[in-house]
């Protein structure tokens, strides 16, 4: 049991944050999504500083840092954004006409 707890410290995750005011998502990765959310909410991240408050809407445990970065890149791609729209439809960015 101790070994499993130690290995879970090394697990990396991908997370998706939502800013309701602008209907905007932020996708990131790291070893502790809850701590990262706190940092984003505190304005410690340059990109998310202006969009507070952010809400954590999705996490995926990926295991390794490499796997998490790969999944993060996918979710930031057009196909990945479509996947998020389909799997978390209540947090879709609204498209503007014209």
N, C-alpha and C. Protein backbone atom coordinates (compact mmCIF):
# COMPACT_ATOMS: atom_id res chain seq x y z
N UNK A 1 0.83 -1.20 0.00
CA UNK A 1 0.00 0.00 0.00
C UNK A 1 0.86 1.25 0.00
N UNK A 2 1.95 1.27 0.70
CA UNK A 2 2.83 2.44 0.76
C UNK A 2 3.40 2.73 -0.63
N UNK A 3 3.79 1.69 -1.38
CA UNK A 3 4.35 1.89 -2.70
C UNK A 3 3.36 2.60 -3.61
N UNK A 4 2.11 2.22 -3.57
CA UNK A 4 1.10 2.85 -4.41
C UNK A 4 0.95 4.33 -4.07
N UNK A 5 0.97 4.66 -2.79
CA UNK A 5 0.85 6.05 -2.38
C UNK A 5 2.04 6.87 -2.87
N UNK A 6 3.23 6.30 -2.81
CA UNK A 6 4.40 7.02 -3.28
C UNK A 6 4.35 7.24 -4.78
N UNK A 7 3.90 6.23 -5.53
CA UNK A 7 3.85 6.38 -6.98
C UNK A 7 2.78 7.37 -7.40
N UNK A 8 1.71 7.52 -6.63
CA UNK A 8 0.66 8.46 -7.01
C UNK A 8 1.15 9.90 -6.93
N UNK A 9 2.20 10.17 -6.13
CA UNK A 9 2.75 11.52 -6.05
C UNK A 9 3.38 11.92 -7.38
N UNK A 10 3.84 10.94 -8.14
CA UNK A 10 4.51 11.21 -9.40
C UNK A 10 3.54 11.25 -10.58
N UNK A 11 2.27 11.02 -10.35
CA UNK A 11 1.31 11.01 -11.44
C UNK A 11 1.00 12.44 -11.90
N UNK A 12 0.96 12.60 -13.19
CA UNK A 12 0.64 13.89 -13.78
C UNK A 12 -0.77 13.86 -14.35
N UNK A 13 -1.40 15.00 -14.35
CA UNK A 13 -2.77 15.12 -14.84
C UNK A 13 -2.88 16.26 -15.83
N UNK A 14 -3.94 16.19 -16.62
CA UNK A 14 -4.35 17.29 -17.48
C UNK A 14 -5.60 17.86 -16.85
N UNK A 15 -5.73 19.17 -16.86
CA UNK A 15 -6.92 19.79 -16.27
C UNK A 15 -7.46 20.85 -17.22
N UNK A 16 -8.76 21.09 -17.09
CA UNK A 16 -9.42 22.11 -17.89
C UNK A 16 -10.13 23.06 -16.93
N UNK A 17 -9.85 24.34 -17.07
CA UNK A 17 -10.50 25.38 -16.28
C UNK A 17 -11.49 26.12 -17.16
N UNK A 18 -12.50 26.72 -16.52
CA UNK A 18 -13.54 27.44 -17.24
C UNK A 18 -13.72 28.83 -16.64
N UNK A 19 -13.80 29.83 -17.51
CA UNK A 19 -14.11 31.20 -17.11
C UNK A 19 -15.48 31.54 -17.68
N UNK A 20 -16.46 31.59 -16.84
CA UNK A 20 -17.85 31.74 -17.26
C UNK A 20 -18.11 33.06 -17.99
N UNK A 21 -17.53 34.14 -17.51
CA UNK A 21 -17.81 35.46 -18.08
C UNK A 21 -17.57 35.51 -19.59
N UNK A 22 -16.43 34.96 -20.03
CA UNK A 22 -16.11 34.98 -21.46
C UNK A 22 -16.31 33.63 -22.14
N UNK A 23 -16.85 32.66 -21.39
CA UNK A 23 -17.05 31.31 -21.94
C UNK A 23 -15.74 30.79 -22.52
N UNK A 24 -14.70 30.82 -21.69
CA UNK A 24 -13.36 30.49 -22.15
C UNK A 24 -12.77 29.35 -21.32
N UNK A 25 -12.07 28.44 -22.02
CA UNK A 25 -11.39 27.33 -21.34
C UNK A 25 -9.90 27.57 -21.31
N UNK A 26 -9.27 27.03 -20.28
CA UNK A 26 -7.82 27.00 -20.18
C UNK A 26 -7.43 25.55 -19.93
N UNK A 27 -6.50 25.03 -20.70
CA UNK A 27 -6.06 23.64 -20.58
C UNK A 27 -4.62 23.64 -20.13
N UNK A 28 -4.33 22.87 -19.08
CA UNK A 28 -2.97 22.79 -18.56
C UNK A 28 -2.68 21.40 -18.04
N UNK A 29 -1.47 21.20 -17.55
CA UNK A 29 -1.10 19.90 -16.99
C UNK A 29 -0.15 20.13 -15.83
N UNK A 30 -0.05 19.14 -14.97
CA UNK A 30 0.84 19.23 -13.83
C UNK A 30 0.65 18.05 -12.90
N UNK A 31 1.39 18.05 -11.80
CA UNK A 31 1.31 16.92 -10.88
C UNK A 31 0.26 17.11 -9.79
N UNK A 32 -0.38 18.30 -9.74
CA UNK A 32 -1.41 18.52 -8.74
C UNK A 32 -2.41 19.57 -9.24
N UNK A 33 -3.49 19.13 -9.90
CA UNK A 33 -4.45 20.08 -10.47
C UNK A 33 -5.10 20.99 -9.43
N UNK A 34 -5.29 20.51 -8.21
CA UNK A 34 -5.92 21.34 -7.17
C UNK A 34 -5.01 22.50 -6.80
N UNK A 35 -3.71 22.22 -6.64
CA UNK A 35 -2.76 23.30 -6.35
C UNK A 35 -2.67 24.28 -7.51
N UNK A 36 -2.68 23.77 -8.73
CA UNK A 36 -2.63 24.64 -9.91
C UNK A 36 -3.85 25.54 -9.97
N UNK A 37 -5.03 25.00 -9.63
CA UNK A 37 -6.24 25.80 -9.61
C UNK A 37 -6.09 26.95 -8.61
N UNK A 38 -5.54 26.64 -7.44
CA UNK A 38 -5.30 27.70 -6.44
C UNK A 38 -4.39 28.79 -7.00
N UNK A 39 -3.34 28.38 -7.71
CA UNK A 39 -2.42 29.35 -8.30
C UNK A 39 -3.12 30.20 -9.36
N UNK A 40 -3.95 29.56 -10.18
CA UNK A 40 -4.69 30.31 -11.20
C UNK A 40 -5.64 31.30 -10.54
N UNK A 41 -6.35 30.84 -9.51
CA UNK A 41 -7.30 31.72 -8.82
C UNK A 41 -6.60 32.88 -8.12
N UNK A 42 -5.37 32.67 -7.70
CA UNK A 42 -4.60 33.72 -7.01
C UNK A 42 -3.92 34.68 -7.99
N UNK A 43 -4.07 34.41 -9.28
CA UNK A 43 -3.47 35.30 -10.27
C UNK A 43 -1.99 35.06 -10.49
N UNK A 44 -1.50 33.87 -10.15
CA UNK A 44 -0.08 33.56 -10.26
C UNK A 44 0.31 33.02 -11.63
N UNK A 45 -0.65 32.88 -12.52
CA UNK A 45 -0.36 32.44 -13.88
C UNK A 45 -0.65 33.60 -14.83
N UNK A 46 0.29 33.92 -15.67
CA UNK A 46 0.17 35.09 -16.55
C UNK A 46 -1.08 35.01 -17.43
N UNK A 47 -1.32 33.85 -18.05
CA UNK A 47 -2.44 33.72 -18.98
C UNK A 47 -3.79 33.82 -18.30
N UNK A 48 -3.92 33.22 -17.13
CA UNK A 48 -5.23 33.16 -16.47
C UNK A 48 -5.47 34.29 -15.48
N UNK A 49 -4.49 35.15 -15.28
CA UNK A 49 -4.60 36.21 -14.29
C UNK A 49 -5.84 37.08 -14.48
N UNK A 50 -6.15 37.45 -15.72
CA UNK A 50 -7.26 38.34 -15.98
C UNK A 50 -8.62 37.68 -15.97
N UNK A 51 -8.67 36.36 -15.89
CA UNK A 51 -9.93 35.66 -16.04
C UNK A 51 -10.52 35.09 -14.78
N UNK A 52 -10.16 35.64 -13.67
CA UNK A 52 -10.67 35.07 -12.44
C UNK A 52 -12.14 35.40 -12.23
N UNK A 53 -12.94 34.54 -11.65
CA UNK A 53 -12.56 33.25 -11.08
C UNK A 53 -12.63 32.12 -12.11
N UNK A 54 -11.68 31.22 -12.04
CA UNK A 54 -11.66 30.02 -12.87
C UNK A 54 -12.27 28.87 -12.07
N UNK A 55 -12.91 27.95 -12.79
CA UNK A 55 -13.53 26.77 -12.18
C UNK A 55 -12.93 25.53 -12.83
N UNK A 56 -12.55 24.56 -12.02
CA UNK A 56 -12.01 23.30 -12.54
C UNK A 56 -13.18 22.46 -13.05
N UNK A 57 -13.19 22.15 -14.36
CA UNK A 57 -14.32 21.42 -14.94
C UNK A 57 -13.96 20.01 -15.40
N UNK A 58 -12.66 19.70 -15.49
CA UNK A 58 -12.28 18.38 -16.01
C UNK A 58 -10.84 18.07 -15.62
N UNK A 59 -10.58 16.85 -15.21
CA UNK A 59 -9.21 16.37 -14.98
C UNK A 59 -9.08 14.97 -15.53
N UNK A 60 -7.89 14.64 -15.97
CA UNK A 60 -7.56 13.29 -16.43
C UNK A 60 -6.18 12.94 -15.87
N UNK A 61 -6.08 11.83 -15.18
CA UNK A 61 -4.79 11.34 -14.70
C UNK A 61 -4.11 10.64 -15.87
N UNK A 62 -2.90 11.07 -16.19
CA UNK A 62 -2.19 10.54 -17.36
C UNK A 62 -0.99 9.68 -16.97
N UNK A 63 -0.60 9.69 -15.73
CA UNK A 63 0.55 8.90 -15.29
C UNK A 63 1.84 9.69 -15.37
N UNK A 64 2.43 9.73 -16.55
CA UNK A 64 3.73 10.38 -16.70
C UNK A 64 3.58 11.82 -17.19
N UNK A 65 4.63 12.59 -17.00
CA UNK A 65 4.63 13.96 -17.48
C UNK A 65 4.52 14.00 -19.00
N UNK A 66 5.22 13.09 -19.66
CA UNK A 66 5.17 13.02 -21.12
C UNK A 66 3.75 12.75 -21.61
N UNK A 67 3.07 11.80 -20.98
CA UNK A 67 1.70 11.47 -21.37
C UNK A 67 0.76 12.66 -21.12
N UNK A 68 0.96 13.35 -20.01
CA UNK A 68 0.13 14.51 -19.69
C UNK A 68 0.34 15.63 -20.70
N UNK A 69 1.58 15.89 -21.07
CA UNK A 69 1.86 16.93 -22.06
C UNK A 69 1.29 16.57 -23.42
N UNK A 70 1.35 15.30 -23.78
CA UNK A 70 0.79 14.83 -25.05
C UNK A 70 -0.73 15.04 -25.06
N UNK A 71 -1.39 14.68 -23.94
CA UNK A 71 -2.84 14.85 -23.85
C UNK A 71 -3.22 16.33 -23.84
N UNK A 72 -2.43 17.14 -23.16
CA UNK A 72 -2.67 18.59 -23.14
C UNK A 72 -2.61 19.15 -24.56
N UNK A 73 -1.58 18.77 -25.32
CA UNK A 73 -1.45 19.23 -26.70
C UNK A 73 -2.66 18.80 -27.52
N UNK A 74 -3.12 17.56 -27.31
CA UNK A 74 -4.29 17.08 -28.05
C UNK A 74 -5.52 17.93 -27.72
N UNK A 75 -5.77 18.16 -26.43
CA UNK A 75 -6.97 18.92 -26.04
C UNK A 75 -6.93 20.36 -26.53
N UNK A 76 -5.75 20.88 -26.78
CA UNK A 76 -5.63 22.24 -27.30
C UNK A 76 -5.78 22.29 -28.82
N UNK A 77 -5.76 21.13 -29.48
CA UNK A 77 -5.91 21.07 -30.93
C UNK A 77 -7.39 21.21 -31.31
N UNK A 78 -7.66 21.38 -32.58
CA UNK A 78 -9.04 21.47 -33.05
C UNK A 78 -9.84 20.22 -32.72
N UNK A 79 -9.24 19.06 -32.93
CA UNK A 79 -9.92 17.80 -32.62
C UNK A 79 -10.15 17.68 -31.12
N UNK A 80 -9.17 18.11 -30.33
CA UNK A 80 -9.30 18.06 -28.87
C UNK A 80 -10.37 19.00 -28.35
N UNK A 81 -10.45 20.20 -28.93
CA UNK A 81 -11.50 21.14 -28.52
C UNK A 81 -12.87 20.57 -28.86
N UNK A 82 -12.96 19.91 -30.01
CA UNK A 82 -14.23 19.27 -30.38
C UNK A 82 -14.56 18.16 -29.39
N UNK A 83 -13.56 17.39 -28.98
CA UNK A 83 -13.77 16.32 -27.99
C UNK A 83 -14.32 16.91 -26.68
N UNK A 84 -13.73 18.02 -26.23
CA UNK A 84 -14.22 18.68 -25.01
C UNK A 84 -15.65 19.17 -25.19
N UNK A 85 -15.95 19.76 -26.35
CA UNK A 85 -17.31 20.23 -26.62
C UNK A 85 -18.32 19.09 -26.54
N UNK A 86 -17.94 17.91 -27.05
CA UNK A 86 -18.83 16.76 -27.05
C UNK A 86 -18.96 16.11 -25.67
N UNK A 87 -17.89 16.09 -24.91
CA UNK A 87 -17.89 15.40 -23.62
C UNK A 87 -18.27 16.30 -22.44
N UNK A 88 -18.12 17.60 -22.60
CA UNK A 88 -18.50 18.54 -21.54
C UNK A 88 -19.29 19.68 -22.22
N UNK A 89 -20.46 19.36 -22.77
CA UNK A 89 -21.18 20.34 -23.59
C UNK A 89 -21.64 21.59 -22.83
N UNK A 90 -21.81 21.49 -21.54
CA UNK A 90 -22.26 22.67 -20.79
C UNK A 90 -21.17 23.74 -20.70
N UNK A 91 -19.95 23.40 -21.07
CA UNK A 91 -18.84 24.35 -21.04
C UNK A 91 -18.28 24.59 -22.44
N UNK A 92 -19.16 24.71 -23.40
CA UNK A 92 -18.77 25.01 -24.78
C UNK A 92 -18.61 26.50 -24.96
N UNK A 93 -17.61 26.85 -25.70
CA UNK A 93 -17.47 28.26 -26.06
C UNK A 93 -18.50 28.56 -27.14
N UNK A 94 -19.23 29.63 -26.95
CA UNK A 94 -20.27 29.99 -27.92
C UNK A 94 -19.63 30.61 -29.14
N UNK A 95 -20.04 30.14 -30.30
CA UNK A 95 -19.53 30.68 -31.56
C UNK A 95 -20.35 31.89 -31.95
N UNK A 96 -19.67 32.91 -32.43
CA UNK A 96 -20.35 34.13 -32.87
C UNK A 96 -20.63 34.03 -34.36
N UNK A 97 -21.80 34.48 -34.78
CA UNK A 97 -22.14 34.50 -36.19
C UNK A 97 -21.38 35.61 -36.89
N UNK A 98 -21.05 35.34 -38.17
CA UNK A 98 -20.47 36.40 -38.98
C UNK A 98 -19.03 36.41 -38.89
